Amino acid sequence: MAANRLVRASARLLRALGKGDAAIVGGMAVNAYGYLRATRDVDVIVNLPLAEARRRLEQHGIATTLLRGDVRDGDFSCLKGVLGRPGPMAVPFDILPPLVPLDPTLFVEVLVAGQTLVIVDLPGLLRLKLRAGGVKDLYDIAVLVLLRPELRTDVDSLAADKPVELGRLRTMMADPRTHDAVAEIRRQESATRRPARPRARRKG
């Protein structure tokens, strides 16, 4: 299954980078917090220089390419690579620098498909999504907030200095289509948790 490939790739990257120095972000982290959406790559954030991250990965046989960003345009440098042979089974990955302040002691360990993964803490994920500010990033936040209303105050505070992003985010959270998507997520969760009821056999 594609999900298992992503989990195995994530675990391999985390082992190579070292415990406490890396955490899963991006789509897989969003999935871990209850919003299951399709993703085909692995994003990892590190709290060490990219040169050191690259060295550690190479020690474990994982090749990367350094993509330099132009800081004048608000870009950032990152490492890119692919795990597995070229083809549909390969898993692309990005290694990101610490784009926002993160506290590694707050990272969360989760057991997925027999692998222990380290996921960025939820407030950290929200800060990263706001930092990115793309449509998909803001939609992820909107869904997570509707799934967990207690996050609304935190998001308003985190986005206080980003009026444009906050305005778009509030529009998404008020959109009936977003509410429909969240209702469907809750319906699916309820269906998977509900035990199957045995059917009574028909007589005759």
Protein backbone atom coordinates (compact mmCIF):
# COMPACT_ATOMS: atom_id res chain seq x y z
CA MET A 1 0.00 0.00 0.00
CA ALA A 2 1.14 3.55 -0.73
CA ALA A 3 0.61 4.60 2.89
CA ASN A 4 2.92 1.85 4.13
CA ARG A 5 5.62 2.93 1.68
CA LEU A 6 5.43 6.45 3.03
CA VAL A 7 5.60 5.21 6.61
CA ARG A 8 8.66 3.03 5.91
CA ALA A 9 10.37 5.90 4.08
CA SER A 10 9.60 8.28 6.95
CA ALA A 11 11.02 5.88 9.53
CA ARG A 12 14.19 5.40 7.49
CA LEU A 13 14.77 9.14 7.15
CA LEU A 14 14.18 9.75 10.87
CA ARG A 15 16.60 7.00 11.85
CA ALA A 16 19.28 8.45 9.58
CA LEU A 17 18.82 12.01 10.82
CA GLY A 18 18.86 11.07 14.49
CA LYS A 19 16.37 11.10 17.33
CA GLY A 20 15.47 14.58 18.53
CA ASP A 21 16.86 16.26 15.43
CA ALA A 22 13.99 15.70 12.98
CA ALA A 23 10.21 15.42 12.76
CA ILE A 24 7.64 14.65 10.10
CA VAL A 25 5.70 17.64 8.79
CA GLY A 26 3.52 18.24 5.72
CA GLY A 27 0.75 15.94 4.59
CA MET A 28 1.73 13.02 6.79
CA ALA A 29 1.64 15.19 9.90
CA VAL A 30 -1.77 16.51 8.87
CA ASN A 31 -2.94 12.89 8.56
CA ALA A 32 -1.61 12.09 12.03
CA TYR A 33 -3.80 14.83 13.50
CA GLY A 34 -7.01 13.47 12.05
CA TYR A 35 -7.34 14.97 8.57
CA LEU A 36 -6.65 12.06 6.25
CA ARG A 37 -5.79 13.41 2.84
CA ALA A 38 -3.78 12.01 -0.03
CA THR A 39 -0.05 12.69 -0.11
CA ARG A 40 2.71 11.08 -2.13
CA ASP A 41 5.86 12.47 -0.53
CA VAL A 42 7.51 12.83 2.86
CA ASP A 43 8.45 16.19 4.39
CA VAL A 44 10.88 16.26 7.31
CA ILE A 45 12.00 19.31 9.25
CA VAL A 46 15.37 19.32 11.00
CA ASN A 47 16.83 21.46 13.76
CA LEU A 48 20.38 21.18 12.45
CA PRO A 49 22.23 22.66 9.46
CA LEU A 50 21.27 21.18 6.11
CA ALA A 51 24.92 20.31 5.47
CA GLU A 52 24.93 18.11 8.58
CA ALA A 53 21.58 16.58 7.66
CA ARG A 54 22.96 15.76 4.21
CA ARG A 55 26.06 14.17 5.72
CA ARG A 56 24.00 11.96 8.03
CA LEU A 57 21.73 10.85 5.20
CA GLU A 58 24.70 10.01 2.98
CA GLN A 59 26.15 7.90 5.80
CA HIS A 60 22.98 5.81 5.54
CA GLY A 61 23.13 5.54 1.76
CA ILE A 62 20.53 8.23 1.10
CA ALA A 63 21.51 10.69 -1.63
CA THR A 64 20.14 14.22 -1.71
CA THR A 65 20.33 17.34 -3.85
CA LEU A 66 20.63 20.79 -2.30
CA LEU A 67 18.07 23.20 -3.71
CA ARG A 68 19.10 26.75 -2.91
CA GLY A 69 16.36 29.30 -2.27
CA ASP A 70 16.65 33.04 -2.69
CA VAL A 71 16.17 34.55 0.76
CA ARG A 72 15.45 37.93 -0.85
CA ASP A 73 12.24 36.43 -2.24
CA GLY A 74 11.36 34.71 1.02
CA ASP A 75 12.54 31.35 -0.28
CA PHE A 76 14.60 28.83 1.66
CA SER A 77 17.09 26.12 0.84
CA CYS A 78 16.17 22.47 1.28
CA LEU A 79 17.35 18.97 0.46
CA LYS A 80 15.47 16.83 -2.03
CA GLY A 81 15.75 13.14 -2.72
CA VAL A 82 13.94 9.95 -3.61
CA LEU A 83 13.86 6.65 -1.74
CA GLY A 84 13.47 3.49 -3.79
CA ARG A 85 13.95 2.70 -7.43
CA PRO A 86 12.62 5.17 -10.01
CA GLY A 87 8.99 4.46 -10.79
CA PRO A 88 5.57 4.54 -9.13
CA MET A 89 6.89 2.87 -5.96
CA ALA A 90 9.54 5.55 -5.31
CA VAL A 91 8.99 8.00 -2.46
CA PRO A 92 10.12 11.62 -2.97
CA PHE A 93 11.17 13.50 0.14
CA ASP A 94 12.14 17.02 1.22
CA ILE A 95 14.37 17.90 4.16
CA LEU A 96 13.47 21.37 5.42
CA PRO A 97 15.40 23.76 7.69
CA PRO A 98 13.75 25.11 10.87
CA LEU A 99 11.44 27.59 9.15
CA VAL A 100 9.66 28.54 12.39
CA PRO A 101 10.64 28.18 16.05
CA LEU A 102 10.09 24.57 17.12
CA ASP A 103 10.64 22.80 20.43
CA PRO A 104 11.86 19.21 19.88
CA THR A 105 10.69 18.26 23.38
CA LEU A 106 7.12 18.78 22.16
CA PHE A 107 7.42 16.48 19.16
CA VAL A 108 5.00 13.55 19.27
CA GLU A 109 5.80 9.87 18.76
CA VAL A 110 3.16 7.80 17.02
CA LEU A 111 3.10 4.13 16.09
CA VAL A 112 2.01 3.66 12.48
CA ALA A 113 2.06 0.32 10.64
CA GLY A 114 4.61 -1.06 13.07
CA GLN A 115 6.93 1.96 12.75
CA THR A 116 7.54 4.66 15.35
CA LEU A 117 7.39 8.07 13.74
CA VAL A 118 8.18 11.45 15.26
CA ILE A 119 5.61 14.07 14.26
CA VAL A 120 5.89 17.81 14.76
CA ASP A 121 3.63 19.08 17.55
CA LEU A 122 0.29 20.51 16.44
CA PRO A 123 1.05 24.19 17.24
CA GLY A 124 4.32 23.79 15.35
CA LEU A 125 2.48 22.33 12.36
CA LEU A 126 0.05 25.27 12.38
CA ARG A 127 2.97 27.74 12.43
CA LEU A 128 4.59 25.95 9.49
CA LYS A 129 1.35 25.98 7.51
CA LEU A 130 0.88 29.70 8.18
CA ARG A 131 4.49 30.32 7.18
CA ALA A 132 3.87 28.58 3.85
CA GLY A 133 0.57 30.41 3.38
CA GLY A 134 -0.52 28.48 0.27
CA VAL A 135 -4.13 27.63 -0.49
CA LYS A 136 -3.64 23.97 0.44
CA ASP A 137 -1.80 24.93 3.63
CA LEU A 138 -4.57 27.26 4.76
CA TYR A 139 -7.22 24.70 3.87
CA ASP A 140 -5.39 22.12 6.00
CA ILE A 141 -5.53 24.55 8.93
CA ALA A 142 -9.21 25.28 8.33
CA VAL A 143 -10.11 21.59 8.43
CA LEU A 144 -7.97 20.93 11.52
CA VAL A 145 -9.58 23.86 13.34
CA LEU A 146 -13.09 22.69 12.48
CA LEU A 147 -12.15 19.20 13.67
CA ARG A 148 -10.65 20.67 16.86
CA PRO A 149 -12.48 23.94 17.69
CA GLU A 150 -10.20 24.51 20.69
CA LEU A 151 -7.47 25.45 18.17
CA ARG A 152 -9.35 28.52 16.94
CA THR A 153 -7.91 30.87 19.56
CA ASP A 154 -4.37 29.59 18.96
CA VAL A 155 -4.68 30.06 15.20
CA ASP A 156 -6.07 33.59 15.57
CA SER A 157 -3.11 34.43 17.79
CA LEU A 158 -0.52 32.80 15.51
CA ALA A 159 -1.92 34.57 12.46
CA ALA A 160 -2.35 37.97 14.10
CA ASP A 161 0.58 39.39 12.13
CA LYS A 162 -0.62 37.80 8.87
CA PRO A 163 -3.88 39.64 8.11
CA VAL A 164 -4.13 38.41 4.51
CA GLU A 165 -3.67 34.75 5.45
CA LEU A 166 -6.01 35.14 8.44
CA GLY A 167 -8.72 36.61 6.22
CA ARG A 168 -8.43 33.75 3.73
CA LEU A 169 -8.41 31.23 6.55
CA ARG A 170 -11.60 32.64 8.09
CA THR A 171 -13.28 32.55 4.68
CA MET A 172 -12.36 28.88 4.29
CA MET A 173 -13.60 28.04 7.79
CA ALA A 174 -16.94 29.70 7.03
CA ASP A 175 -17.33 27.98 3.66
CA PRO A 176 -20.12 25.34 3.71
CA ARG A 177 -17.96 23.10 1.51
CA THR A 178 -15.29 22.98 4.21
CA HIS A 179 -17.94 22.11 6.79
CA ASP A 180 -19.24 19.36 4.49
CA ALA A 181 -15.72 17.94 4.19
CA VAL A 182 -15.30 17.92 7.97
CA ALA A 183 -18.71 16.27 8.42
CA GLU A 184 -17.63 13.53 6.01
CA ILE A 185 -14.37 13.01 7.93
CA ARG A 186 -16.34 12.61 11.17
CA ARG A 187 -18.80 10.25 9.48
CA GLN A 188 -15.96 8.06 8.24
CA GLU A 189 -14.32 8.06 11.68
CA SER A 190 -17.60 7.04 13.29
CA ALA A 191 -18.11 4.26 10.72
CA THR A 192 -14.66 2.78 11.29
CA ARG A 193 -15.08 2.83 15.06
CA ARG A 194 -18.56 1.32 15.08
CA PRO A 195 -18.46 -2.48 15.61
CA ALA A 196 -20.12 -4.54 12.91
CA ARG A 197 -23.55 -5.87 13.86
CA PRO A 198 -24.20 -9.53 13.12
CA ARG A 199 -27.00 -10.12 10.65
CA ALA A 200 -29.85 -12.33 11.69
CA ARG A 201 -30.30 -15.30 9.40
CA ARG A 202 -33.53 -15.61 7.53
CA LYS A 203 -35.61 -18.58 8.39
CA GLY A 204 -36.55 -21.01 5.69
